[in-house]
């Protein structure tokens, strides 16, 4: 399987670091960490150890980044009754 590489523009990298440092949810922190580490060419096993994400989750985050860039970090609306 082909490895999904993450390339960040300088302004995207700055924005991801800012989101990581001021995020309101742990999900957002994990996603931004995954992308920053991926851009630094860290393997999925290292990213999984740092973030606690599975390799499948890391692949999904990378794939969504390639498709939607910064919009991929947002949680999609969930079905069902709100909490």
PDB file of N, CA and C in Angstrom:
ATOM      1  N   UNK A   1       0.839  -1.183   0.000  1.00  0.00           N
ATOM      2  CA  UNK A   1       0.000   0.000   0.000  1.00  0.00           C
ATOM      3  C   UNK A   1       0.884   1.246   0.000  1.00  0.00           C
ATOM      4  N   UNK A   2       0.485   2.247  -0.751  1.00  0.00           N
ATOM      5  CA  UNK A   2       1.240   3.484  -0.844  1.00  0.00           C
ATOM      6  C   UNK A   2       1.085   4.324   0.423  1.00  0.00           C
ATOM      7  N   UNK A   3       2.179   4.865   0.895  1.00  0.00           N
ATOM      8  CA  UNK A   3       2.145   5.674   2.105  1.00  0.00           C
ATOM      9  C   UNK A   3       1.582   7.052   1.797  1.00  0.00           C
ATOM     10  N   UNK A   4       0.679   7.508   2.636  1.00  0.00           N
ATOM     11  CA  UNK A   4       0.110   8.839   2.456  1.00  0.00           C
ATOM     12  C   UNK A   4       1.046   9.865   3.093  1.00  0.00           C
ATOM     13  N   UNK A   5       1.618  10.709   2.286  1.00  0.00           N
ATOM     14  CA  UNK A   5       2.504  11.741   2.812  1.00  0.00           C
ATOM     15  C   UNK A   5       1.709  13.008   3.085  1.00  0.00           C
ATOM     16  N   UNK A   6       2.151  13.729   4.082  1.00  0.00           N
ATOM     17  CA  UNK A   6       1.511  14.986   4.449  1.00  0.00           C
ATOM     18  C   UNK A   6       2.530  16.093   4.227  1.00  0.00           C
ATOM     19  N   UNK A   7       2.164  17.029   3.390  1.00  0.00           N
ATOM     20  CA  UNK A   7       3.003  18.202   3.148  1.00  0.00           C
ATOM     21  C   UNK A   7       2.230  19.427   3.614  1.00  0.00           C
ATOM     22  N   UNK A   8       2.880  20.215   4.448  1.00  0.00           N
ATOM     23  CA  UNK A   8       2.237  21.402   4.998  1.00  0.00           C
ATOM     24  C   UNK A   8       2.901  22.652   4.455  1.00  0.00           C
ATOM     25  N   UNK A   9       2.079  23.618   4.126  1.00  0.00           N
ATOM     26  CA  UNK A   9       2.588  24.939   3.794  1.00  0.00           C
ATOM     27  C   UNK A   9       2.959  25.614   5.119  1.00  0.00           C
ATOM     28  N   UNK A  10       3.862  26.575   5.101  1.00  0.00           N
ATOM     29  CA  UNK A  10       4.273  27.211   6.361  1.00  0.00           C
ATOM     30  C   UNK A  10       3.104  27.770   7.174  1.00  0.00           C
ATOM     31  N   UNK A  11       2.145  28.379   6.516  1.00  0.00           N
ATOM     32  CA  UNK A  11       1.015  28.944   7.248  1.00  0.00           C
ATOM     33  C   UNK A  11       0.123  27.839   7.823  1.00  0.00           C
ATOM     34  N   UNK A  12       0.028  26.687   7.152  1.00  0.00           N
ATOM     35  CA  UNK A  12      -0.751  25.565   7.690  1.00  0.00           C
ATOM     36  C   UNK A  12      -0.066  24.990   8.922  1.00  0.00           C
ATOM     37  N   UNK A  13       1.243  24.903   8.863  1.00  0.00           N
ATOM     38  CA  UNK A  13       1.997  24.404  10.009  1.00  0.00           C
ATOM     39  C   UNK A  13       1.808  25.314  11.227  1.00  0.00           C
ATOM     40  N   UNK A  14       1.888  26.622  11.011  1.00  0.00           N
ATOM     41  CA  UNK A  14       1.667  27.573  12.110  1.00  0.00           C
ATOM     42  C   UNK A  14       0.264  27.439  12.671  1.00  0.00           C
ATOM     43  N   UNK A  15      -0.707  27.308  11.788  1.00  0.00           N
ATOM     44  CA  UNK A  15      -2.085  27.204  12.248  1.00  0.00           C
ATOM     45  C   UNK A  15      -2.323  25.898  13.016  1.00  0.00           C
ATOM     46  N   UNK A  16      -1.732  24.805  12.562  1.00  0.00           N
ATOM     47  CA  UNK A  16      -1.868  23.533  13.277  1.00  0.00           C
ATOM     48  C   UNK A  16      -1.225  23.606  14.658  1.00  0.00           C
ATOM     49  N   UNK A  17      -0.059  24.230  14.758  1.00  0.00           N
ATOM     50  CA  UNK A  17       0.585  24.367  16.069  1.00  0.00           C
ATOM     51  C   UNK A  17      -0.261  25.221  17.006  1.00  0.00           C
ATOM     52  N   UNK A  18      -0.869  26.266  16.470  1.00  0.00           N
ATOM     53  CA  UNK A  18      -1.725  27.116  17.287  1.00  0.00           C
ATOM     54  C   UNK A  18      -2.972  26.346  17.739  1.00  0.00           C
ATOM     55  N   UNK A  19      -3.571  25.587  16.834  1.00  0.00           N
ATOM     56  CA  UNK A  19      -4.726  24.770  17.199  1.00  0.00           C
ATOM     57  C   UNK A  19      -4.360  23.740  18.258  1.00  0.00           C
ATOM     58  N   UNK A  20      -3.195  23.116  18.101  1.00  0.00           N
ATOM     59  CA  UNK A  20      -2.742  22.116  19.069  1.00  0.00           C
ATOM     60  C   UNK A  20      -2.595  22.732  20.455  1.00  0.00           C
ATOM     61  N   UNK A  21      -2.038  23.935  20.508  1.00  0.00           N
ATOM     62  CA  UNK A  21      -1.764  24.570  21.795  1.00  0.00           C
ATOM     63  C   UNK A  21      -2.999  25.153  22.466  1.00  0.00           C
ATOM     64  N   UNK A  22      -4.041  25.443  21.675  1.00  0.00           N
ATOM     65  CA  UNK A  22      -5.225  26.097  22.235  1.00  0.00           C
ATOM     66  C   UNK A  22      -6.509  25.315  21.960  1.00  0.00           C
ATOM     67  N   UNK A  23      -6.385  24.028  21.719  1.00  0.00           N
ATOM     68  CA  UNK A  23      -7.559  23.218  21.363  1.00  0.00           C
ATOM     69  C   UNK A  23      -8.454  23.007  22.581  1.00  0.00           C
ATOM     70  N   UNK A  24      -9.743  22.933  22.297  1.00  0.00           N
ATOM     71  CA  UNK A  24     -10.707  22.676  23.355  1.00  0.00           C
ATOM     72  C   UNK A  24     -10.983  21.200  23.562  1.00  0.00           C
ATOM     73  N   UNK A  25     -10.630  20.370  22.597  1.00  0.00           N
ATOM     74  CA  UNK A  25     -10.922  18.942  22.726  1.00  0.00           C
ATOM     75  C   UNK A  25      -9.660  18.113  22.491  1.00  0.00           C
ATOM     76  N   UNK A  26      -9.617  16.968  23.125  1.00  0.00           N
ATOM     77  CA  UNK A  26      -8.459  16.087  22.956  1.00  0.00           C
ATOM     78  C   UNK A  26      -8.424  15.493  21.552  1.00  0.00           C
ATOM     79  N   UNK A  27      -9.588  15.328  20.922  1.00  0.00           N
ATOM     80  CA  UNK A  27      -9.623  14.822  19.548  1.00  0.00           C
ATOM     81  C   UNK A  27      -8.875  15.748  18.597  1.00  0.00           C
ATOM     82  N   UNK A  28      -9.101  17.035  18.761  1.00  0.00           N
ATOM     83  CA  UNK A  28      -8.437  18.020  17.905  1.00  0.00           C
ATOM     84  C   UNK A  28      -6.928  18.019  18.151  1.00  0.00           C
ATOM     85  N   UNK A  29      -6.515  17.891  19.399  1.00  0.00           N
ATOM     86  CA  UNK A  29      -5.091  17.839  19.725  1.00  0.00           C
ATOM     87  C   UNK A  29      -4.451  16.626  19.058  1.00  0.00           C
ATOM     88  N   UNK A  30      -5.099  15.475  19.142  1.00  0.00           N
ATOM     89  CA  UNK A  30      -4.546  14.253  18.545  1.00  0.00           C
ATOM     90  C   UNK A  30      -4.460  14.367  17.027  1.00  0.00           C
ATOM     91  N   UNK A  31      -5.457  14.949  16.399  1.00  0.00           N
ATOM     92  CA  UNK A  31      -5.441  15.107  14.944  1.00  0.00           C
ATOM     93  C   UNK A  31      -4.328  16.040  14.505  1.00  0.00           C
ATOM     94  N   UNK A  32      -4.182  17.164  15.212  1.00  0.00           N
ATOM     95  CA  UNK A  32      -3.123  18.105  14.836  1.00  0.00           C
ATOM     96  C   UNK A  32      -1.743  17.501  15.080  1.00  0.00           C
ATOM     97  N   UNK A  33      -1.571  16.778  16.191  1.00  0.00           N
ATOM     98  CA  UNK A  33      -0.291  16.112  16.458  1.00  0.00           C
ATOM     99  C   UNK A  33       0.024  15.097  15.373  1.00  0.00           C
ATOM    100  N   UNK A  34      -0.977  14.351  14.968  1.00  0.00           N
ATOM    101  CA  UNK A  34      -0.801  13.355  13.913  1.00  0.00           C
ATOM    102  C   UNK A  34      -0.314  14.021  12.630  1.00  0.00           C
ATOM    103  N   UNK A  35      -0.916  15.121  12.256  1.00  0.00           N
ATOM    104  CA  UNK A  35      -0.533  15.807  11.022  1.00  0.00           C
ATOM    105  C   UNK A  35       0.849  16.446  11.123  1.00  0.00           C
ATOM    106  N   UNK A  36       1.157  17.051  12.258  1.00  0.00           N
ATOM    107  CA  UNK A  36       2.469  17.662  12.423  1.00  0.00           C
ATOM    108  C   UNK A  36       3.570  16.604  12.405  1.00  0.00           C
ATOM    109  N   UNK A  37       3.344  15.487  13.072  1.00  0.00           N
ATOM    110  CA  UNK A  37       4.334  14.409  13.073  1.00  0.00           C
ATOM    111  C   UNK A  37       4.446  13.756  11.696  1.00  0.00           C
ATOM    112  N   UNK A  38       3.323  13.648  10.997  1.00  0.00           N
ATOM    113  CA  UNK A  38       3.351  13.085   9.644  1.00  0.00           C
ATOM    114  C   UNK A  38       4.139  13.976   8.708  1.00  0.00           C
ATOM    115  N   UNK A  39       3.971  15.285   8.851  1.00  0.00           N
ATOM    116  CA  UNK A  39       4.722  16.226   8.017  1.00  0.00           C
ATOM    117  C   UNK A  39       6.217  16.159   8.321  1.00  0.00           C
ATOM    118  N   UNK A  40       6.556  15.770   9.562  1.00  0.00           N
ATOM    119  CA  UNK A  40       7.959  15.603   9.949  1.00  0.00           C
ATOM    120  C   UNK A  40       8.472  14.215   9.558  1.00  0.00           C
ATOM    121  N   UNK A  41       7.684  13.492   8.774  1.00  0.00           N
ATOM    122  CA  UNK A  41       8.041  12.161   8.249  1.00  0.00           C
ATOM    123  C   UNK A  41       8.226  11.101   9.324  1.00  0.00           C
ATOM    124  N   UNK A  42       7.464  11.217  10.405  1.00  0.00           N
ATOM    125  CA  UNK A  42       7.502  10.183  11.437  1.00  0.00           C
ATOM    126  C   UNK A  42       6.623   9.020  10.984  1.00  0.00           C
ATOM    127  N   UNK A  43       7.041   7.781  11.244  1.00  0.00           N
ATOM    128  CA  UNK A  43       6.220   6.634  10.851  1.00  0.00           C
ATOM    129  C   UNK A  43       4.978   6.518  11.734  1.00  0.00           C
ATOM    130  N   UNK A  44       3.997   5.801  11.226  1.00  0.00           N
ATOM    131  CA  UNK A  44       2.720   5.651  11.934  1.00  0.00           C
ATOM    132  C   UNK A  44       2.903   5.014  13.307  1.00  0.00           C
ATOM    133  N   UNK A  45       3.884   4.126  13.459  1.00  0.00           N
ATOM    134  CA  UNK A  45       4.090   3.487  14.760  1.00  0.00           C
ATOM    135  C   UNK A  45       4.516   4.505  15.814  1.00  0.00           C
ATOM    136  N   UNK A  46       5.343   5.471  15.428  1.00  0.00           N
ATOM    137  CA  UNK A  46       5.765   6.514  16.365  1.00  0.00           C
ATOM    138  C   UNK A  46       4.581   7.415  16.703  1.00  0.00           C
ATOM    139  N   UNK A  47       3.820   7.789  15.684  1.00  0.00           N
ATOM    140  CA  UNK A  47       2.656   8.658  15.896  1.00  0.00           C
ATOM    141  C   UNK A  47       1.644   7.963  16.795  1.00  0.00           C
ATOM    142  N   UNK A  48       1.444   6.672  16.586  1.00  0.00           N
ATOM    143  CA  UNK A  48       0.512   5.903  17.421  1.00  0.00           C
ATOM    144  C   UNK A  48       0.975   5.898  18.871  1.00  0.00           C
ATOM    145  N   UNK A  49       2.272   5.770  19.096  1.00  0.00           N
ATOM    146  CA  UNK A  49       2.795   5.775  20.459  1.00  0.00           C
ATOM    147  C   UNK A  49       2.624   7.115  21.150  1.00  0.00           C
ATOM    148  N   UNK A  50       2.760   8.196  20.408  1.00  0.00           N
ATOM    149  CA  UNK A  50       2.649   9.536  20.982  1.00  0.00           C
ATOM    150  C   UNK A  50       1.188   9.914  21.228  1.00  0.00           C
ATOM    151  N   UNK A  51       0.325   9.617  20.271  1.00  0.00           N
ATOM    152  CA  UNK A  51      -1.060  10.097  20.341  1.00  0.00           C
ATOM    153  C   UNK A  51      -2.048   9.078  20.907  1.00  0.00           C
ATOM    154  N   UNK A  52      -1.700   7.795  20.842  1.00  0.00           N
ATOM    155  CA  UNK A  52      -2.641   6.762  21.274  1.00  0.00           C
ATOM    156  C   UNK A  52      -3.642   6.386  20.203  1.00  0.00           C
ATOM    157  N   UNK A  53      -3.448   6.891  18.995  1.00  0.00           N
ATOM    158  CA  UNK A  53      -4.340   6.570  17.882  1.00  0.00           C
ATOM    159  C   UNK A  53      -3.922   5.243  17.250  1.00  0.00           C
ATOM    160  N   UNK A  54      -4.872   4.565  16.637  1.00  0.00           N
ATOM    161  CA  UNK A  54      -4.544   3.347  15.907  1.00  0.00           C
ATOM    162  C   UNK A  54      -3.945   3.714  14.550  1.00  0.00           C
ATOM    163  N   UNK A  55      -3.290   2.747  13.927  1.00  0.00           N
ATOM    164  CA  UNK A  55      -2.715   2.998  12.594  1.00  0.00           C
ATOM    165  C   UNK A  55      -3.811   3.307  11.583  1.00  0.00           C
ATOM    166  N   UNK A  56      -4.967   2.656  11.718  1.00  0.00           N
ATOM    167  CA  UNK A  56      -6.087   2.953  10.817  1.00  0.00           C
ATOM    168  C   UNK A  56      -6.571   4.389  10.994  1.00  0.00           C
ATOM    169  N   UNK A  57      -6.635   4.851  12.227  1.00  0.00           N
ATOM    170  CA  UNK A  57      -7.073   6.227  12.492  1.00  0.00           C
ATOM    171  C   UNK A  57      -6.074   7.223  11.900  1.00  0.00           C
ATOM    172  N   UNK A  58      -4.792   6.917  12.005  1.00  0.00           N
ATOM    173  CA  UNK A  58      -3.758   7.792  11.445  1.00  0.00           C
ATOM    174  C   UNK A  58      -3.897   7.863   9.929  1.00  0.00           C
ATOM    175  N   UNK A  59      -4.130   6.731   9.304  1.00  0.00           N
ATOM    176  CA  UNK A  59      -4.332   6.706   7.861  1.00  0.00           C
ATOM    177  C   UNK A  59      -5.560   7.526   7.474  1.00  0.00           C
ATOM    178  N   UNK A  60      -6.642   7.398   8.235  1.00  0.00           N
ATOM    179  CA  UNK A  60      -7.860   8.165   7.956  1.00  0.00           C
ATOM    180  C   UNK A  60      -7.613   9.673   8.082  1.00  0.00           C
ATOM    181  N   UNK A  61      -6.888  10.074   9.112  1.00  0.00           N
ATOM    182  CA  UNK A  61      -6.597  11.496   9.314  1.00  0.00           C
ATOM    183  C   UNK A  61      -5.758  12.027   8.159  1.00  0.00           C
ATOM    184  N   UNK A  62      -4.764  11.262   7.749  1.00  0.00           N
ATOM    185  CA  UNK A  62      -3.926  11.679   6.609  1.00  0.00           C
ATOM    186  C   UNK A  62      -4.739  11.776   5.320  1.00  0.00           C
ATOM    187  N   UNK A  63      -5.606  10.793   5.086  1.00  0.00           N
ATOM    188  CA  UNK A  63      -6.419  10.788   3.865  1.00  0.00           C
ATOM    189  C   UNK A  63      -7.376  11.982   3.850  1.00  0.00           C
ATOM    190  N   UNK A  64      -8.037  12.219   4.986  1.00  0.00           N
ATOM    191  CA  UNK A  64      -8.962  13.357   5.057  1.00  0.00           C
ATOM    192  C   UNK A  64      -8.222  14.678   4.868  1.00  0.00           C
ATOM    193  N   UNK A  65      -6.990  14.779   5.397  1.00  0.00           N
ATOM    194  CA  UNK A  65      -6.196  15.998   5.215  1.00  0.00           C
ATOM    195  C   UNK A  65      -5.962  16.268   3.740  1.00  0.00           C
ATOM    196  N   UNK A  66      -5.612  15.233   2.998  1.00  0.00           N
ATOM    197  CA  UNK A  66      -5.356  15.409   1.561  1.00  0.00           C
ATOM    198  C   UNK A  66      -6.615  15.852   0.820  1.00  0.00           C
ATOM    199  N   UNK A  67      -7.769  15.434   1.302  1.00  0.00           N
ATOM    200  CA  UNK A  67      -9.026  15.760   0.634  1.00  0.00           C
ATOM    201  C   UNK A  67      -9.580  17.127   1.047  1.00  0.00           C
ATOM    202  N   UNK A  68      -9.487  17.463   2.348  1.00  0.00           N
ATOM    203  CA  UNK A  68     -10.199  18.626   2.856  1.00  0.00           C
ATOM    204  C   UNK A  68      -9.336  19.650   3.585  1.00  0.00           C
ATOM    205  N   UNK A  69      -8.036  19.398   3.713  1.00  0.00           N
ATOM    206  CA  UNK A  69      -7.090  20.285   4.399  1.00  0.00           C
ATOM    207  C   UNK A  69      -7.596  20.653   5.800  1.00  0.00           C
ATOM    208  N   UNK A  70      -7.614  21.934   6.160  1.00  0.00           N
ATOM    209  CA  UNK A  70      -7.964  22.327   7.529  1.00  0.00           C
ATOM    210  C   UNK A  70      -9.397  21.967   7.925  1.00  0.00           C
ATOM    211  N   UNK A  71     -10.276  21.887   6.943  1.00  0.00           N
ATOM    212  CA  UNK A  71     -11.664  21.507   7.249  1.00  0.00           C
ATOM    213  C   UNK A  71     -11.766  20.075   7.748  1.00  0.00           C
ATOM    214  N   UNK A  72     -10.720  19.268   7.510  1.00  0.00           N
ATOM    215  CA  UNK A  72     -10.762  17.866   7.928  1.00  0.00           C
ATOM    216  C   UNK A  72     -10.629  17.707   9.441  1.00  0.00           C
ATOM    217  N   UNK A  73     -10.218  18.756  10.135  1.00  0.00           N
ATOM    218  CA  UNK A  73     -10.027  18.660  11.581  1.00  0.00           C
ATOM    219  C   UNK A  73     -11.332  18.731  12.358  1.00  0.00           C
ATOM    220  N   UNK A  74     -12.353  19.313  11.769  1.00  0.00           N
ATOM    221  CA  UNK A  74     -13.636  19.484  12.445  1.00  0.00           C
ATOM    222  C   UNK A  74     -14.349  18.142  12.599  1.00  0.00           C
ATOM    223  N   UNK A  75     -15.072  18.009  13.694  1.00  0.00           N
ATOM    224  CA  UNK A  75     -15.931  16.839  13.857  1.00  0.00           C
ATOM    225  C   UNK A  75     -17.146  17.003  12.957  1.00  0.00           C
ATOM    226  N   UNK A  76     -17.518  15.934  12.318  1.00  0.00           N
ATOM    227  CA  UNK A  76     -18.746  15.976  11.521  1.00  0.00           C
ATOM    228  C   UNK A  76     -19.938  15.824  12.452  1.00  0.00           C
ATOM    229  N   UNK A  77     -21.078  16.373  12.063  1.00  0.00           N
ATOM    230  CA  UNK A  77     -22.275  16.225  12.908  1.00  0.00           C
ATOM    231  C   UNK A  77     -22.611  14.741  13.107  1.00  0.00           C
ATOM    232  N   UNK A  78     -23.008  14.428  14.310  1.00  0.00           N
ATOM    233  CA  UNK A  78     -23.360  13.048  14.637  1.00  0.00           C
ATOM    234  C   UNK A  78     -24.881  12.909  14.630  1.00  0.00           C
ATOM    235  N   UNK A  79     -25.304  11.748  14.221  1.00  0.00           N
ATOM    236  CA  UNK A  79     -26.748  11.518  14.199  1.00  0.00           C
ATOM    237  C   UNK A  79     -27.241  11.181  15.608  1.00  0.00           C
ATOM    238  N   UNK A  80     -28.516  11.293  15.776  1.00  0.00           N
ATOM    239  CA  UNK A  80     -29.099  10.928  17.073  1.00  0.00           C
ATOM    240  C   UNK A  80     -29.385  12.135  17.937  1.00  0.00           C
ATOM    241  N   UNK A  81     -29.880  11.844  19.088  1.00  0.00           N
ATOM    242  CA  UNK A  81     -30.269  12.877  20.028  1.00  0.00           C
ATOM    243  C   UNK A  81     -29.022  13.555  20.621  1.00  0.00           C
ATOM    244  N   UNK A  82     -29.014  14.873  20.689  1.00  0.00           N
ATOM    245  CA  UNK A  82     -27.871  15.563  21.293  1.00  0.00           C
ATOM    246  C   UNK A  82     -27.777  15.240  22.793  1.00  0.00           C
ATOM    247  N   UNK A  83     -26.591  15.327  23.346  1.00  0.00           N
ATOM    248  CA  UNK A  83     -26.442  15.025  24.782  1.00  0.00           C
ATOM    249  C   UNK A  83     -27.140  16.037  25.661  1.00  0.00           C
TER     250      UNK A  83
END
